[in-house]
Amino acid sequence: MVITSEELSLLNSGGKPLKYTPSLINDADSNYLPTTIKVESQKSENLKVEFIRNLLTILYGKEVANKPRPHLDTKGKIKADFETKGLKPPCGVTVEKWLE
């Protein structure tokens, strides 16, 4: 059994891809540069959540912003607004998870 350098770096980083730099790549891996995923900071994530919640509050009120799921999954105001613009709304469960 062989463990690739990518698998080893995932193990070393607790399952999160590392940003590869030349110092992290040895000679054997010089021809192999796996795709990396940029990991955003918690602060950035928190700002996104706050922005989404604020937009929902401005457009639909605080009650909808606190519980958007029924307004997306049923024939609620948010779903209707998306559909009138020819857009597909995200699933209510997804939006709730974003806001948690």
Protein backbone atom coordinates (compact mmCIF):
# COMPACT_ATOMS: atom_id res chain seq x y z
CA MET A 1 0.00 0.00 0.00
CA VAL A 2 1.29 3.44 -0.90
CA ILE A 3 0.25 6.74 0.67
CA THR A 4 0.52 9.66 -1.72
CA SER A 5 1.97 12.99 -0.62
CA GLU A 6 -1.49 14.52 -0.95
CA GLU A 7 -2.98 11.92 1.39
CA LEU A 8 -0.11 12.42 3.83
CA SER A 9 -0.60 16.18 3.85
CA LEU A 10 -4.33 15.67 4.49
CA LEU A 11 -3.50 13.41 7.43
CA ASN A 12 -1.01 15.95 8.80
CA SER A 13 -3.47 18.82 8.48
CA GLY A 14 -6.39 17.04 10.13
CA GLY A 15 -8.22 16.49 6.84
CA LYS A 16 -7.92 20.04 5.54
CA PRO A 17 -5.95 20.66 2.35
CA LEU A 18 -2.73 22.58 2.86
CA LYS A 19 -1.74 25.45 0.63
CA TYR A 20 1.25 24.05 -1.24
CA THR A 21 4.41 26.06 -1.42
CA PRO A 22 7.74 24.97 -2.89
CA SER A 23 9.07 24.24 0.60
CA LEU A 24 6.28 21.68 1.15
CA ILE A 25 6.97 19.75 -2.05
CA ASN A 26 9.90 17.37 -2.18
CA ASP A 27 11.79 16.31 -5.34
CA ALA A 28 9.65 13.22 -5.91
CA ASP A 29 6.51 15.35 -6.03
CA SER A 30 7.88 18.18 -8.16
CA ASN A 31 5.81 17.08 -11.18
CA TYR A 32 2.64 16.69 -9.15
CA LEU A 33 0.90 19.77 -7.79
CA PRO A 34 -2.57 18.85 -6.55
CA THR A 35 -5.39 21.36 -6.65
CA THR A 36 -5.79 23.14 -3.34
CA ILE A 37 -8.86 24.67 -1.77
CA LYS A 38 -8.61 28.09 -0.19
CA VAL A 39 -9.83 27.91 3.39
CA GLU A 40 -11.60 31.05 4.52
CA SER A 41 -11.21 32.47 7.98
CA GLN A 42 -13.99 32.22 10.54
CA LYS A 43 -14.23 36.02 10.49
CA SER A 44 -15.02 35.96 6.75
CA GLU A 45 -17.65 33.27 7.28
CA ASN A 46 -19.23 35.27 10.11
CA LEU A 47 -19.36 38.40 7.93
CA LYS A 48 -21.10 36.45 5.15
CA VAL A 49 -23.68 35.10 7.57
CA GLU A 50 -24.29 38.57 8.99
CA PHE A 51 -24.67 40.00 5.48
CA ILE A 52 -27.23 37.35 4.45
CA ARG A 53 -29.19 37.79 7.67
CA ASN A 54 -29.16 41.59 7.27
CA LEU A 55 -30.41 41.37 3.68
CA LEU A 56 -33.23 39.07 4.75
CA THR A 57 -34.09 41.47 7.60
CA ILE A 58 -34.15 44.48 5.27
CA LEU A 59 -36.27 42.78 2.63
CA TYR A 60 -38.55 40.53 4.67
CA GLY A 61 -38.31 41.51 8.33
CA LYS A 62 -36.59 40.10 11.38
CA GLU A 63 -39.01 37.20 11.85
CA VAL A 64 -38.30 35.86 8.35
CA ALA A 65 -34.55 36.42 8.76
CA ASN A 66 -34.57 34.34 11.96
CA LYS A 67 -36.56 31.47 10.36
CA PRO A 68 -36.24 31.64 6.56
CA ARG A 69 -36.91 27.96 5.87
CA PRO A 70 -40.72 28.01 5.61
CA HIS A 71 -40.52 31.10 3.39
CA LEU A 72 -38.30 29.23 0.93
CA ASP A 73 -39.75 25.72 1.04
CA THR A 74 -43.44 26.57 0.84
CA LYS A 75 -45.14 29.21 -1.27
CA GLY A 76 -43.64 31.93 0.92
CA LYS A 77 -42.68 35.46 -0.04
CA ILE A 78 -39.00 34.70 -0.66
CA LYS A 79 -39.77 31.76 -2.98
CA ALA A 80 -42.35 33.82 -4.86
CA ASP A 81 -39.89 36.70 -5.32
CA PHE A 82 -37.25 34.35 -6.70
CA GLU A 83 -39.72 32.73 -9.10
CA THR A 84 -41.04 36.06 -10.43
CA LYS A 85 -37.45 36.94 -11.38
CA GLY A 86 -36.98 33.54 -13.06
CA LEU A 87 -34.52 32.38 -10.41
CA LYS A 88 -34.40 29.14 -8.46
CA PRO A 89 -34.26 29.78 -4.70
CA PRO A 90 -31.91 27.82 -2.48
CA CYS A 91 -33.44 25.14 -0.29
CA GLY A 92 -34.69 26.41 3.06
CA VAL A 93 -32.59 23.84 4.92
CA THR A 94 -29.48 25.10 3.14
CA VAL A 95 -30.14 28.72 4.08
CA GLU A 96 -30.84 27.72 7.68
CA LYS A 97 -27.49 25.89 7.82
CA TRP A 98 -25.72 28.95 6.38
CA LEU A 99 -27.19 31.08 9.14
CA GLU A 100 -26.34 28.68 11.99
